[in-house]
């Protein structure tokens, strides 16, 4: 009985070690996943671009208002 229990424990240890350290597939180690390149945005989708446009428009309007006030 003791030998059977010892044999079962050895088999269980081997199975656990195999699952812990075995390669993921028969082909070897898993290949690293490629990262997706960032999606190319059009200028109307880019928040920074739109913010810069809005700032430029605001500056132009302020400059025009100042010119009109000085005249």
PDB file of N, CA and C in Angstrom:
ATOM      1  N   UNK A   1       0.814  -1.194   0.000  1.00  0.00           N
ATOM      2  CA  UNK A   1       0.000   0.000   0.000  1.00  0.00           C
ATOM      3  C   UNK A   1       0.862   1.264   0.000  1.00  0.00           C
ATOM      4  N   UNK A   2       1.925   1.245   0.765  1.00  0.00           N
ATOM      5  CA  UNK A   2       2.815   2.394   0.840  1.00  0.00           C
ATOM      6  C   UNK A   2       3.502   2.666  -0.491  1.00  0.00           C
ATOM      7  N   UNK A   3       3.863   1.600  -1.192  1.00  0.00           N
ATOM      8  CA  UNK A   3       4.522   1.768  -2.493  1.00  0.00           C
ATOM      9  C   UNK A   3       3.560   2.383  -3.513  1.00  0.00           C
ATOM     10  N   UNK A   4       2.310   1.973  -3.475  1.00  0.00           N
ATOM     11  CA  UNK A   4       1.309   2.515  -4.393  1.00  0.00           C
ATOM     12  C   UNK A   4       1.094   4.010  -4.129  1.00  0.00           C
ATOM     13  N   UNK A   5       1.005   4.376  -2.867  1.00  0.00           N
ATOM     14  CA  UNK A   5       0.842   5.777  -2.505  1.00  0.00           C
ATOM     15  C   UNK A   5       2.052   6.593  -2.947  1.00  0.00           C
ATOM     16  N   UNK A   6       3.250   6.057  -2.750  1.00  0.00           N
ATOM     17  CA  UNK A   6       4.473   6.737  -3.174  1.00  0.00           C
ATOM     18  C   UNK A   6       4.497   6.896  -4.693  1.00  0.00           C
ATOM     19  N   UNK A   7       4.092   5.871  -5.419  1.00  0.00           N
ATOM     20  CA  UNK A   7       4.051   5.933  -6.877  1.00  0.00           C
ATOM     21  C   UNK A   7       3.053   6.996  -7.345  1.00  0.00           C
ATOM     22  N   UNK A   8       1.884   7.070  -6.725  1.00  0.00           N
ATOM     23  CA  UNK A   8       0.890   8.080  -7.087  1.00  0.00           C
ATOM     24  C   UNK A   8       1.401   9.492  -6.798  1.00  0.00           C
ATOM     25  N   UNK A   9       2.082   9.681  -5.689  1.00  0.00           N
ATOM     26  CA  UNK A   9       2.636  10.993  -5.369  1.00  0.00           C
ATOM     27  C   UNK A   9       3.714  11.403  -6.367  1.00  0.00           C
ATOM     28  N   UNK A  10       4.541  10.460  -6.779  1.00  0.00           N
ATOM     29  CA  UNK A  10       5.586  10.758  -7.765  1.00  0.00           C
ATOM     30  C   UNK A  10       4.953  11.132  -9.101  1.00  0.00           C
ATOM     31  N   UNK A  11       3.936  10.378  -9.514  1.00  0.00           N
ATOM     32  CA  UNK A  11       3.257  10.679 -10.775  1.00  0.00           C
ATOM     33  C   UNK A  11       2.586  12.054 -10.699  1.00  0.00           C
ATOM     34  N   UNK A  12       1.946  12.358  -9.579  1.00  0.00           N
ATOM     35  CA  UNK A  12       1.297  13.664  -9.417  1.00  0.00           C
ATOM     36  C   UNK A  12       2.334  14.785  -9.472  1.00  0.00           C
ATOM     37  N   UNK A  13       3.489  14.577  -8.850  1.00  0.00           N
ATOM     38  CA  UNK A  13       4.543  15.597  -8.869  1.00  0.00           C
ATOM     39  C   UNK A  13       5.058  15.802 -10.287  1.00  0.00           C
ATOM     40  N   UNK A  14       5.227  14.720 -11.027  1.00  0.00           N
ATOM     41  CA  UNK A  14       5.707  14.830 -12.407  1.00  0.00           C
ATOM     42  C   UNK A  14       4.693  15.587 -13.266  1.00  0.00           C
ATOM     43  N   UNK A  15       3.418  15.277 -13.117  1.00  0.00           N
ATOM     44  CA  UNK A  15       2.378  15.955 -13.890  1.00  0.00           C
ATOM     45  C   UNK A  15       2.354  17.444 -13.559  1.00  0.00           C
ATOM     46  N   UNK A  16       2.427  17.779 -12.278  1.00  0.00           N
ATOM     47  CA  UNK A  16       2.415  19.192 -11.888  1.00  0.00           C
ATOM     48  C   UNK A  16       3.639  19.923 -12.411  1.00  0.00           C
ATOM     49  N   UNK A  17       4.800  19.307 -12.340  1.00  0.00           N
ATOM     50  CA  UNK A  17       6.009  19.937 -12.866  1.00  0.00           C
ATOM     51  C   UNK A  17       5.915  20.109 -14.378  1.00  0.00           C
ATOM     52  N   UNK A  18       5.371  19.118 -15.060  1.00  0.00           N
ATOM     53  CA  UNK A  18       5.232  19.212 -16.510  1.00  0.00           C
ATOM     54  C   UNK A  18       4.305  20.368 -16.887  1.00  0.00           C
ATOM     55  N   UNK A  19       3.183  20.484 -16.180  1.00  0.00           N
ATOM     56  CA  UNK A  19       2.249  21.569 -16.491  1.00  0.00           C
ATOM     57  C   UNK A  19       2.839  22.932 -16.157  1.00  0.00           C
ATOM     58  N   UNK A  20       3.674  22.988 -15.142  1.00  0.00           N
ATOM     59  CA  UNK A  20       4.240  24.269 -14.732  1.00  0.00           C
ATOM     60  C   UNK A  20       5.347  24.733 -15.665  1.00  0.00           C
ATOM     61  N   UNK A  21       6.159  23.814 -16.157  1.00  0.00           N
ATOM     62  CA  UNK A  21       7.349  24.214 -16.907  1.00  0.00           C
ATOM     63  C   UNK A  21       7.387  23.737 -18.350  1.00  0.00           C
ATOM     64  N   UNK A  22       6.372  23.076 -18.835  1.00  0.00           N
ATOM     65  CA  UNK A  22       6.369  22.555 -20.203  1.00  0.00           C
ATOM     66  C   UNK A  22       6.107  23.682 -21.196  1.00  0.00           C
ATOM     67  N   UNK A  23       6.582  23.538 -22.442  1.00  0.00           N
ATOM     68  CA  UNK A  23       6.271  24.526 -23.479  1.00  0.00           C
ATOM     69  C   UNK A  23       4.764  24.540 -23.743  1.00  0.00           C
ATOM     70  N   UNK A  24       4.276  25.647 -24.226  1.00  0.00           N
ATOM     71  CA  UNK A  24       2.838  25.817 -24.427  1.00  0.00           C
ATOM     72  C   UNK A  24       2.286  24.912 -25.527  1.00  0.00           C
ATOM     73  N   UNK A  25       3.088  24.630 -26.521  1.00  0.00           N
ATOM     74  CA  UNK A  25       2.617  23.787 -27.615  1.00  0.00           C
ATOM     75  C   UNK A  25       3.758  22.881 -28.056  1.00  0.00           C
ATOM     76  N   UNK A  26       3.465  21.991 -28.971  1.00  0.00           N
ATOM     77  CA  UNK A  26       4.503  21.091 -29.458  1.00  0.00           C
ATOM     78  C   UNK A  26       5.539  21.819 -30.297  1.00  0.00           C
ATOM     79  N   UNK A  27       5.207  22.969 -30.830  1.00  0.00           N
ATOM     80  CA  UNK A  27       6.113  23.745 -31.666  1.00  0.00           C
ATOM     81  C   UNK A  27       7.170  24.499 -30.880  1.00  0.00           C
ATOM     82  N   UNK A  28       7.127  24.462 -29.598  1.00  0.00           N
ATOM     83  CA  UNK A  28       8.108  25.178 -28.788  1.00  0.00           C
ATOM     84  C   UNK A  28       7.465  26.297 -27.996  1.00  0.00           C
ATOM     85  N   UNK A  29       8.295  27.237 -27.616  1.00  0.00           N
ATOM     86  CA  UNK A  29       7.817  28.357 -26.808  1.00  0.00           C
ATOM     87  C   UNK A  29       6.841  29.207 -27.615  1.00  0.00           C
ATOM     88  N   UNK A  30       5.878  29.800 -26.951  1.00  0.00           N
ATOM     89  CA  UNK A  30       4.913  30.629 -27.689  1.00  0.00           C
ATOM     90  C   UNK A  30       5.581  31.868 -28.264  1.00  0.00           C
ATOM     91  N   UNK A  31       5.099  32.250 -29.425  1.00  0.00           N
ATOM     92  CA  UNK A  31       5.640  33.443 -30.076  1.00  0.00           C
ATOM     93  C   UNK A  31       5.052  34.682 -29.414  1.00  0.00           C
ATOM     94  N   UNK A  32       5.855  35.714 -29.263  1.00  0.00           N
ATOM     95  CA  UNK A  32       5.300  36.938 -28.670  1.00  0.00           C
ATOM     96  C   UNK A  32       4.289  37.578 -29.619  1.00  0.00           C
ATOM     97  N   UNK A  33       3.248  38.137 -29.046  1.00  0.00           N
ATOM     98  CA  UNK A  33       2.209  38.780 -29.846  1.00  0.00           C
ATOM     99  C   UNK A  33       2.723  40.104 -30.391  1.00  0.00           C
ATOM    100  N   UNK A  34       2.408  40.370 -31.648  1.00  0.00           N
ATOM    101  CA  UNK A  34       2.764  41.663 -32.232  1.00  0.00           C
ATOM    102  C   UNK A  34       1.828  42.721 -31.686  1.00  0.00           C
ATOM    103  N   UNK A  35       2.383  43.869 -31.410  1.00  0.00           N
ATOM    104  CA  UNK A  35       1.529  44.968 -30.991  1.00  0.00           C
ATOM    105  C   UNK A  35       0.931  45.614 -32.230  1.00  0.00           C
ATOM    106  N   UNK A  36      -0.332  45.948 -32.126  1.00  0.00           N
ATOM    107  CA  UNK A  36      -1.006  46.591 -33.240  1.00  0.00           C
ATOM    108  C   UNK A  36      -0.450  47.995 -33.411  1.00  0.00           C
ATOM    109  N   UNK A  37      -0.124  48.388 -34.639  1.00  0.00           N
ATOM    110  CA  UNK A  37       0.325  49.768 -34.835  1.00  0.00           C
ATOM    111  C   UNK A  37      -0.827  50.716 -34.507  1.00  0.00           C
ATOM    112  N   UNK A  38      -0.513  51.890 -34.002  1.00  0.00           N
ATOM    113  CA  UNK A  38      -1.598  52.815 -33.661  1.00  0.00           C
ATOM    114  C   UNK A  38      -2.403  53.185 -34.901  1.00  0.00           C
ATOM    115  N   UNK A  39      -3.696  53.317 -34.703  1.00  0.00           N
ATOM    116  CA  UNK A  39      -4.573  53.663 -35.818  1.00  0.00           C
ATOM    117  C   UNK A  39      -4.233  55.062 -36.307  1.00  0.00           C
ATOM    118  N   UNK A  40      -4.142  55.196 -37.623  1.00  0.00           N
ATOM    119  CA  UNK A  40      -3.859  56.499 -38.211  1.00  0.00           C
ATOM    120  C   UNK A  40      -5.149  57.309 -38.178  1.00  0.00           C
ATOM    121  N   UNK A  41      -5.050  58.472 -37.602  1.00  0.00           N
ATOM    122  CA  UNK A  41      -6.224  59.331 -37.489  1.00  0.00           C
ATOM    123  C   UNK A  41      -6.163  60.418 -38.539  1.00  0.00           C
ATOM    124  N   UNK A  42      -7.308  60.779 -39.021  1.00  0.00           N
ATOM    125  CA  UNK A  42      -7.386  61.937 -39.897  1.00  0.00           C
ATOM    126  C   UNK A  42      -7.313  63.194 -39.046  1.00  0.00           C
ATOM    127  N   UNK A  43      -7.045  64.335 -39.659  1.00  0.00           N
ATOM    128  CA  UNK A  43      -6.918  65.556 -38.862  1.00  0.00           C
ATOM    129  C   UNK A  43      -8.206  65.918 -38.121  1.00  0.00           C
ATOM    130  N   UNK A  44      -9.343  65.497 -38.646  1.00  0.00           N
ATOM    131  CA  UNK A  44     -10.592  65.824 -37.962  1.00  0.00           C
ATOM    132  C   UNK A  44     -10.854  64.919 -36.764  1.00  0.00           C
ATOM    133  N   UNK A  45     -10.073  63.844 -36.604  1.00  0.00           N
ATOM    134  CA  UNK A  45     -10.211  62.954 -35.456  1.00  0.00           C
ATOM    135  C   UNK A  45      -9.177  63.234 -34.370  1.00  0.00           C
ATOM    136  N   UNK A  46      -8.169  64.008 -34.694  1.00  0.00           N
ATOM    137  CA  UNK A  46      -7.074  64.251 -33.760  1.00  0.00           C
ATOM    138  C   UNK A  46      -7.427  65.427 -32.852  1.00  0.00           C
ATOM    139  N   UNK A  47      -7.600  65.144 -31.565  1.00  0.00           N
ATOM    140  CA  UNK A  47      -8.024  66.182 -30.628  1.00  0.00           C
ATOM    141  C   UNK A  47      -6.974  67.276 -30.472  1.00  0.00           C
ATOM    142  N   UNK A  48      -5.707  66.903 -30.473  1.00  0.00           N
ATOM    143  CA  UNK A  48      -4.650  67.912 -30.336  1.00  0.00           C
ATOM    144  C   UNK A  48      -4.632  68.860 -31.535  1.00  0.00           C
ATOM    145  N   UNK A  49      -4.794  68.301 -32.719  1.00  0.00           N
ATOM    146  CA  UNK A  49      -4.819  69.123 -33.925  1.00  0.00           C
ATOM    147  C   UNK A  49      -5.998  70.097 -33.891  1.00  0.00           C
ATOM    148  N   UNK A  50      -7.161  69.585 -33.516  1.00  0.00           N
ATOM    149  CA  UNK A  50      -8.342  70.441 -33.451  1.00  0.00           C
ATOM    150  C   UNK A  50      -8.178  71.530 -32.393  1.00  0.00           C
ATOM    151  N   UNK A  51      -7.541  71.190 -31.273  1.00  0.00           N
ATOM    152  CA  UNK A  51      -7.310  72.180 -30.224  1.00  0.00           C
ATOM    153  C   UNK A  51      -6.364  73.274 -30.717  1.00  0.00           C
ATOM    154  N   UNK A  52      -5.334  72.892 -31.448  1.00  0.00           N
ATOM    155  CA  UNK A  52      -4.404  73.882 -31.995  1.00  0.00           C
ATOM    156  C   UNK A  52      -5.120  74.803 -32.988  1.00  0.00           C
ATOM    157  N   UNK A  53      -5.977  74.230 -33.822  1.00  0.00           N
ATOM    158  CA  UNK A  53      -6.741  75.058 -34.762  1.00  0.00           C
ATOM    159  C   UNK A  53      -7.620  76.064 -34.023  1.00  0.00           C
ATOM    160  N   UNK A  54      -8.278  75.595 -32.986  1.00  0.00           N
ATOM    161  CA  UNK A  54      -9.146  76.480 -32.215  1.00  0.00           C
ATOM    162  C   UNK A  54      -8.350  77.601 -31.555  1.00  0.00           C
ATOM    163  N   UNK A  55      -7.170  77.280 -31.037  1.00  0.00           N
ATOM    164  CA  UNK A  55      -6.326  78.315 -30.432  1.00  0.00           C
ATOM    165  C   UNK A  55      -5.887  79.341 -31.466  1.00  0.00           C
ATOM    166  N   UNK A  56      -5.514  78.877 -32.653  1.00  0.00           N
ATOM    167  CA  UNK A  56      -5.103  79.805 -33.714  1.00  0.00           C
ATOM    168  C   UNK A  56      -6.261  80.716 -34.123  1.00  0.00           C
ATOM    169  N   UNK A  57      -7.457  80.165 -34.264  1.00  0.00           N
ATOM    170  CA  UNK A  57      -8.626  80.974 -34.617  1.00  0.00           C
ATOM    171  C   UNK A  57      -8.891  82.030 -33.542  1.00  0.00           C
ATOM    172  N   UNK A  58      -8.782  81.612 -32.287  1.00  0.00           N
ATOM    173  CA  UNK A  58      -9.015  82.543 -31.189  1.00  0.00           C
ATOM    174  C   UNK A  58      -7.997  83.680 -31.218  1.00  0.00           C
ATOM    175  N   UNK A  59      -6.726  83.335 -31.434  1.00  0.00           N
ATOM    176  CA  UNK A  59      -5.681  84.365 -31.493  1.00  0.00           C
ATOM    177  C   UNK A  59      -5.930  85.334 -32.648  1.00  0.00           C
ATOM    178  N   UNK A  60      -6.342  84.815 -33.801  1.00  0.00           N
ATOM    179  CA  UNK A  60      -6.617  85.682 -34.951  1.00  0.00           C
ATOM    180  C   UNK A  60      -7.788  86.609 -34.666  1.00  0.00           C
ATOM    181  N   UNK A  61      -8.851  86.081 -34.043  1.00  0.00           N
ATOM    182  CA  UNK A  61     -10.000  86.915 -33.706  1.00  0.00           C
ATOM    183  C   UNK A  61      -9.612  88.017 -32.726  1.00  0.00           C
ATOM    184  N   UNK A  62      -8.813  87.664 -31.723  1.00  0.00           N
ATOM    185  CA  UNK A  62      -8.373  88.665 -30.743  1.00  0.00           C
ATOM    186  C   UNK A  62      -7.533  89.756 -31.410  1.00  0.00           C
ATOM    187  N   UNK A  63      -6.656  89.321 -32.302  1.00  0.00           N
ATOM    188  CA  UNK A  63      -5.802  90.287 -33.003  1.00  0.00           C
ATOM    189  C   UNK A  63      -6.645  91.222 -33.868  1.00  0.00           C
ATOM    190  N   UNK A  64      -7.639  90.684 -34.557  1.00  0.00           N
ATOM    191  CA  UNK A  64      -8.522  91.518 -35.380  1.00  0.00           C
ATOM    192  C   UNK A  64      -9.320  92.491 -34.514  1.00  0.00           C
ATOM    193  N   UNK A  65      -9.793  92.032 -33.370  1.00  0.00           N
ATOM    194  CA  UNK A  65     -10.536  92.910 -32.463  1.00  0.00           C
ATOM    195  C   UNK A  65      -9.646  94.042 -31.957  1.00  0.00           C
ATOM    196  N   UNK A  66      -8.413  93.744 -31.641  1.00  0.00           N
ATOM    197  CA  UNK A  66      -7.479  94.771 -31.173  1.00  0.00           C
ATOM    198  C   UNK A  66      -7.205  95.803 -32.263  1.00  0.00           C
ATOM    199  N   UNK A  67      -7.048  95.316 -33.491  1.00  0.00           N
ATOM    200  CA  UNK A  67      -6.815  96.244 -34.606  1.00  0.00           C
ATOM    201  C   UNK A  67      -8.010  97.177 -34.794  1.00  0.00           C
ATOM    202  N   UNK A  68      -9.217  96.618 -34.711  1.00  0.00           N
ATOM    203  CA  UNK A  68     -10.427  97.427 -34.886  1.00  0.00           C
ATOM    204  C   UNK A  68     -10.556  98.456 -33.765  1.00  0.00           C
ATOM    205  N   UNK A  69     -10.201  98.070 -32.547  1.00  0.00           N
ATOM    206  CA  UNK A  69     -10.283  99.000 -31.421  1.00  0.00           C
ATOM    207  C   UNK A  69      -9.271 100.130 -31.556  1.00  0.00           C
ATOM    208  N   UNK A  70      -8.120  99.841 -32.124  1.00  0.00           N
ATOM    209  CA  UNK A  70      -7.073 100.858 -32.261  1.00  0.00           C
ATOM    210  C   UNK A  70      -7.408 101.854 -33.375  1.00  0.00           C
ATOM    211  N   UNK A  71      -8.211 101.457 -34.322  1.00  0.00           N
ATOM    212  CA  UNK A  71      -8.542 102.349 -35.453  1.00  0.00           C
ATOM    213  C   UNK A  71      -9.545 103.378 -35.119  1.00  0.00           C
TER     214      UNK A  71
END
